Amino acid sequence: MELEEFFKDAKKVLICGIGNDTRGDDTFGVYVVEKLKERISNQKVVFLNCGEMPESYAGKIIRENPSHVVFIDAVHFEGKPGEIVLADPEGTLGEAFSTHKMPLKLLVGYLKQNINAKFLLIGAQPKQTGLFVDMSKELKDSAERLVSILERILAEI
């Protein structure tokens, strides 16, 4: 699936960055969302820095009533460090190894009971997730590329 295809017919988009900014590459989702917040001013796009607990934002996501929800996170899927994958958050990557409390698969199942939206997980294969290490060059480069792509797409919604 291409990103442009996913965002087709979007009325309101919610971008949720997931991660822990003290654990190296696990900061990927949070980093991307914070960069996008700085660069995009579009009433139809809402950015949430969900940190390590996206489930804590379920109420806010439901209240926003988006047509499209994107979760961005570092996800172990046996790719090369920095490799990006687009996935159904209710699929196997939605329950993949994560530093977070609740599998994304369960959160999305709950959200689907309350809103009629399309969901996407943008995952990046981390290289290092040790405590108090910086994001690797591979992840930072991927994050910057993703920010550029999303900035272009979201500006046109």
C-alpha atoms as a PDB file:
ATOM      1  CA  MET A   1       0.000   0.000   0.000  1.00  0.00           C
ATOM      2  CA  GLU A   2       1.226   3.451  -0.864  1.00  0.00           C
ATOM      3  CA  LEU A   3       0.824   6.309   1.613  1.00  0.00           C
ATOM      4  CA  GLU A   4      -0.956   8.470  -0.962  1.00  0.00           C
ATOM      5  CA  GLU A   5      -3.507   5.687  -1.456  1.00  0.00           C
ATOM      6  CA  PHE A   6      -4.121   5.367   2.302  1.00  0.00           C
ATOM      7  CA  PHE A   7      -4.834   9.107   2.670  1.00  0.00           C
ATOM      8  CA  LYS A   8      -7.213   9.228  -0.303  1.00  0.00           C
ATOM      9  CA  ASP A   9     -10.552  10.793   0.719  1.00  0.00           C
ATOM     10  CA  ALA A  10      -9.202  11.828   4.146  1.00  0.00           C
ATOM     11  CA  LYS A  11     -11.467  14.316   5.934  1.00  0.00           C
ATOM     12  CA  LYS A  12      -9.555  14.499   9.225  1.00  0.00           C
ATOM     13  CA  VAL A  13      -6.257  12.797  10.001  1.00  0.00           C
ATOM     14  CA  LEU A  14      -4.797  11.931  13.391  1.00  0.00           C
ATOM     15  CA  ILE A  15      -1.054  11.182  13.494  1.00  0.00           C
ATOM     16  CA  CYS A  16       0.026   9.406  16.706  1.00  0.00           C
ATOM     17  CA  GLY A  17       3.725   9.228  17.535  1.00  0.00           C
ATOM     18  CA  ILE A  18       4.590   6.391  19.893  1.00  0.00           C
ATOM     19  CA  GLY A  19       7.878   5.950  21.709  1.00  0.00           C
ATOM     20  CA  ASN A  20      10.237   6.673  24.551  1.00  0.00           C
ATOM     21  CA  ASP A  21      12.696   9.496  23.932  1.00  0.00           C
ATOM     22  CA  THR A  22      15.194   8.087  26.451  1.00  0.00           C
ATOM     23  CA  ARG A  23      15.577   4.756  24.628  1.00  0.00           C
ATOM     24  CA  GLY A  24      17.528   5.467  21.441  1.00  0.00           C
ATOM     25  CA  ASP A  25      15.624   4.396  18.343  1.00  0.00           C
ATOM     26  CA  ASP A  26      12.394   3.954  20.300  1.00  0.00           C
ATOM     27  CA  THR A  27      12.017   7.731  19.997  1.00  0.00           C
ATOM     28  CA  PHE A  28      11.275   7.344  16.245  1.00  0.00           C
ATOM     29  CA  GLY A  29       7.489   7.914  16.378  1.00  0.00           C
ATOM     30  CA  VAL A  30       7.706  10.781  18.838  1.00  0.00           C
ATOM     31  CA  TYR A  31      10.483  12.427  16.797  1.00  0.00           C
ATOM     32  CA  VAL A  32       8.476  12.246  13.557  1.00  0.00           C
ATOM     33  CA  VAL A  33       5.322  13.693  15.163  1.00  0.00           C
ATOM     34  CA  GLU A  34       7.191  16.563  16.813  1.00  0.00           C
ATOM     35  CA  LYS A  35       8.910  17.485  13.511  1.00  0.00           C
ATOM     36  CA  LEU A  36       5.580  17.365  11.647  1.00  0.00           C
ATOM     37  CA  LYS A  37       3.950  19.569  14.313  1.00  0.00           C
ATOM     38  CA  GLU A  38       6.598  22.219  13.619  1.00  0.00           C
ATOM     39  CA  ARG A  39       6.137  22.093   9.845  1.00  0.00           C
ATOM     40  CA  ILE A  40       2.427  21.558   9.197  1.00  0.00           C
ATOM     41  CA  SER A  41      -0.437  23.853   9.973  1.00  0.00           C
ATOM     42  CA  ASN A  42      -3.576  22.215   8.624  1.00  0.00           C
ATOM     43  CA  GLN A  43      -6.911  22.208  10.496  1.00  0.00           C
ATOM     44  CA  LYS A  44      -7.635  18.732   9.109  1.00  0.00           C
ATOM     45  CA  VAL A  45      -4.514  17.182  10.689  1.00  0.00           C
ATOM     46  CA  VAL A  46      -4.051  16.565  14.426  1.00  0.00           C
ATOM     47  CA  PHE A  47      -0.757  15.407  15.933  1.00  0.00           C
ATOM     48  CA  LEU A  48      -0.497  13.464  19.190  1.00  0.00           C
ATOM     49  CA  ASN A  49       2.726  12.649  20.996  1.00  0.00           C
ATOM     50  CA  CYS A  50       1.478   9.513  22.768  1.00  0.00           C
ATOM     51  CA  GLY A  51       4.790   8.620  24.392  1.00  0.00           C
ATOM     52  CA  GLU A  52       4.836   5.046  25.637  1.00  0.00           C
ATOM     53  CA  MET A  53       1.118   4.778  26.323  1.00  0.00           C
ATOM     54  CA  PRO A  54      -1.028   5.363  23.235  1.00  0.00           C
ATOM     55  CA  GLU A  55      -3.940   3.690  25.031  1.00  0.00           C
ATOM     56  CA  SER A  56      -4.070   6.743  27.334  1.00  0.00           C
ATOM     57  CA  TYR A  57      -5.090   8.787  24.279  1.00  0.00           C
ATOM     58  CA  ALA A  58      -8.035   6.582  23.247  1.00  0.00           C
ATOM     59  CA  GLY A  59     -10.591   9.099  24.545  1.00  0.00           C
ATOM     60  CA  LYS A  60      -8.949  12.006  22.717  1.00  0.00           C
ATOM     61  CA  ILE A  61      -8.711   9.992  19.496  1.00  0.00           C
ATOM     62  CA  ILE A  62     -12.414   9.128  19.733  1.00  0.00           C
ATOM     63  CA  ARG A  63     -13.387  12.762  20.485  1.00  0.00           C
ATOM     64  CA  GLU A  64     -11.437  13.981  17.442  1.00  0.00           C
ATOM     65  CA  ASN A  65     -13.485  11.525  15.309  1.00  0.00           C
ATOM     66  CA  PRO A  66     -10.869  11.242  12.528  1.00  0.00           C
ATOM     67  CA  SER A  67     -11.406   9.536   9.180  1.00  0.00           C
ATOM     68  CA  HIS A  68      -7.787   8.290   9.207  1.00  0.00           C
ATOM     69  CA  VAL A  69      -5.481   7.357  12.110  1.00  0.00           C
ATOM     70  CA  VAL A  70      -1.757   6.721  11.682  1.00  0.00           C
ATOM     71  CA  PHE A  71       0.462   5.259  14.399  1.00  0.00           C
ATOM     72  CA  ILE A  72       4.216   5.786  13.991  1.00  0.00           C
ATOM     73  CA  ASP A  73       6.510   3.617  16.090  1.00  0.00           C
ATOM     74  CA  ALA A  74       9.767   1.684  16.190  1.00  0.00           C
ATOM     75  CA  VAL A  75       8.791  -1.948  15.611  1.00  0.00           C
ATOM     76  CA  HIS A  76      10.926  -5.083  15.516  1.00  0.00           C
ATOM     77  CA  PHE A  77      10.073  -6.892  12.271  1.00  0.00           C
ATOM     78  CA  GLU A  78      13.486  -8.360  11.336  1.00  0.00           C
ATOM     79  CA  GLY A  79      14.197  -5.613   8.806  1.00  0.00           C
ATOM     80  CA  LYS A  80      17.404  -3.640   8.353  1.00  0.00           C
ATOM     81  CA  PRO A  81      17.888  -0.804  10.859  1.00  0.00           C
ATOM     82  CA  GLY A  82      15.930   2.202   9.605  1.00  0.00           C
ATOM     83  CA  GLU A  83      13.789   0.148   7.216  1.00  0.00           C
ATOM     84  CA  ILE A  84      10.187   1.384   7.113  1.00  0.00           C
ATOM     85  CA  VAL A  85       7.119  -0.820   6.878  1.00  0.00           C
ATOM     86  CA  LEU A  86       3.463   0.111   6.340  1.00  0.00           C
ATOM     87  CA  ALA A  87       1.169  -2.317   8.119  1.00  0.00           C
ATOM     88  CA  ASP A  88      -2.294  -2.972   9.456  1.00  0.00           C
ATOM     89  CA  PRO A  89      -2.008  -2.234  13.208  1.00  0.00           C
ATOM     90  CA  GLU A  90      -4.389  -5.139  13.842  1.00  0.00           C
ATOM     91  CA  GLY A  91      -2.051  -7.535  12.048  1.00  0.00           C
ATOM     92  CA  THR A  92       1.022  -9.276  13.383  1.00  0.00           C
ATOM     93  CA  LEU A  93       3.103  -6.082  13.594  1.00  0.00           C
ATOM     94  CA  GLY A  94       0.425  -4.583  15.837  1.00  0.00           C
ATOM     95  CA  GLU A  95       1.335  -7.179  18.438  1.00  0.00           C
ATOM     96  CA  ALA A  96       5.054  -7.260  17.674  1.00  0.00           C
ATOM     97  CA  PHE A  97       7.739  -6.581  20.242  1.00  0.00           C
ATOM     98  CA  SER A  98       7.233  -3.183  21.730  1.00  0.00           C
ATOM     99  CA  THR A  99       8.312  -1.332  24.829  1.00  0.00           C
ATOM    100  CA  HIS A 100       4.708  -0.267  25.331  1.00  0.00           C
ATOM    101  CA  LYS A 101       2.118  -1.638  27.717  1.00  0.00           C
ATOM    102  CA  MET A 102      -0.806  -2.540  25.457  1.00  0.00           C
ATOM    103  CA  PRO A 103      -0.446  -4.124  22.004  1.00  0.00           C
ATOM    104  CA  LEU A 104      -1.563  -1.700  19.306  1.00  0.00           C
ATOM    105  CA  LYS A 105      -3.839  -4.438  17.994  1.00  0.00           C
ATOM    106  CA  LEU A 106      -6.022  -4.190  21.126  1.00  0.00           C
ATOM    107  CA  LEU A 107      -6.137  -0.393  21.070  1.00  0.00           C
ATOM    108  CA  VAL A 108      -7.195  -0.306  17.406  1.00  0.00           C
ATOM    109  CA  GLY A 109      -9.864  -2.941  18.059  1.00  0.00           C
ATOM    110  CA  TYR A 110     -11.286  -0.715  20.791  1.00  0.00           C
ATOM    111  CA  LEU A 111     -11.093   2.424  18.641  1.00  0.00           C
ATOM    112  CA  LYS A 112     -12.901   0.690  15.764  1.00  0.00           C
ATOM    113  CA  GLN A 113     -15.848   0.068  18.100  1.00  0.00           C
ATOM    114  CA  ASN A 114     -16.127   3.835  18.639  1.00  0.00           C
ATOM    115  CA  ILE A 115     -15.091   5.545  15.390  1.00  0.00           C
ATOM    116  CA  ASN A 116     -15.318   4.750  11.695  1.00  0.00           C
ATOM    117  CA  ALA A 117     -11.741   5.352  10.572  1.00  0.00           C
ATOM    118  CA  LYS A 118      -8.984   3.794   8.501  1.00  0.00           C
ATOM    119  CA  PHE A 119      -5.907   2.773  10.514  1.00  0.00           C
ATOM    120  CA  LEU A 120      -2.251   2.444   9.539  1.00  0.00           C
ATOM    121  CA  LEU A 121       0.950   1.586  11.381  1.00  0.00           C
ATOM    122  CA  ILE A 122       4.174   3.064  10.031  1.00  0.00           C
ATOM    123  CA  GLY A 123       6.952   1.097  11.674  1.00  0.00           C
ATOM    124  CA  ALA A 124      10.705   1.508  11.571  1.00  0.00           C
ATOM    125  CA  GLN A 125      13.147  -1.276  12.424  1.00  0.00           C
ATOM    126  CA  PRO A 126      15.228  -0.037  15.388  1.00  0.00           C
ATOM    127  CA  LYS A 127      18.964  -0.588  15.705  1.00  0.00           C
ATOM    128  CA  GLN A 128      19.459   0.375  19.355  1.00  0.00           C
ATOM    129  CA  THR A 129      16.916   0.839  22.138  1.00  0.00           C
ATOM    130  CA  GLY A 130      19.198   0.999  25.144  1.00  0.00           C
ATOM    131  CA  LEU A 131      18.482   3.445  27.913  1.00  0.00           C
ATOM    132  CA  PHE A 132      19.922   6.953  27.434  1.00  0.00           C
ATOM    133  CA  VAL A 133      21.412   6.316  23.987  1.00  0.00           C
ATOM    134  CA  ASP A 134      20.847   8.604  21.008  1.00  0.00           C
ATOM    135  CA  MET A 135      18.767   7.665  18.004  1.00  0.00           C
ATOM    136  CA  SER A 136      20.937   5.824  15.458  1.00  0.00           C
ATOM    137  CA  LYS A 137      21.901   7.500  12.185  1.00  0.00           C
ATOM    138  CA  GLU A 138      19.821   4.926  10.296  1.00  0.00           C
ATOM    139  CA  LEU A 139      16.653   5.775  12.232  1.00  0.00           C
ATOM    140  CA  LYS A 140      17.258   9.516  12.130  1.00  0.00           C
ATOM    141  CA  ASP A 141      17.723   9.391   8.337  1.00  0.00           C
ATOM    142  CA  SER A 142      14.520   7.328   7.970  1.00  0.00           C
ATOM    143  CA  ALA A 143      12.647   9.704  10.267  1.00  0.00           C
ATOM    144  CA  GLU A 144      13.713  12.711   8.184  1.00  0.00           C
ATOM    145  CA  ARG A 145      12.651  10.979   4.944  1.00  0.00           C
ATOM    146  CA  LEU A 146       9.284  10.045   6.455  1.00  0.00           C
ATOM    147  CA  VAL A 147       8.736  13.600   7.735  1.00  0.00           C
ATOM    148  CA  SER A 148       9.369  14.965   4.208  1.00  0.00           C
ATOM    149  CA  ILE A 149       6.956  12.492   2.618  1.00  0.00           C
ATOM    150  CA  LEU A 150       4.209  13.046   5.196  1.00  0.00           C
ATOM    151  CA  GLU A 151       4.700  16.811   5.110  1.00  0.00           C
ATOM    152  CA  ARG A 152       3.982  16.791   1.354  1.00  0.00           C
ATOM    153  CA  ILE A 153       0.963  14.469   1.612  1.00  0.00           C
ATOM    154  CA  LEU A 154      -0.628  16.066   4.685  1.00  0.00           C
ATOM    155  CA  ALA A 155      -0.324  19.576   3.283  1.00  0.00           C
ATOM    156  CA  GLU A 156      -2.665  18.546   0.456  1.00  0.00           C
ATOM    157  CA  ILE A 157      -5.478  17.082   2.588  1.00  0.00           C
END
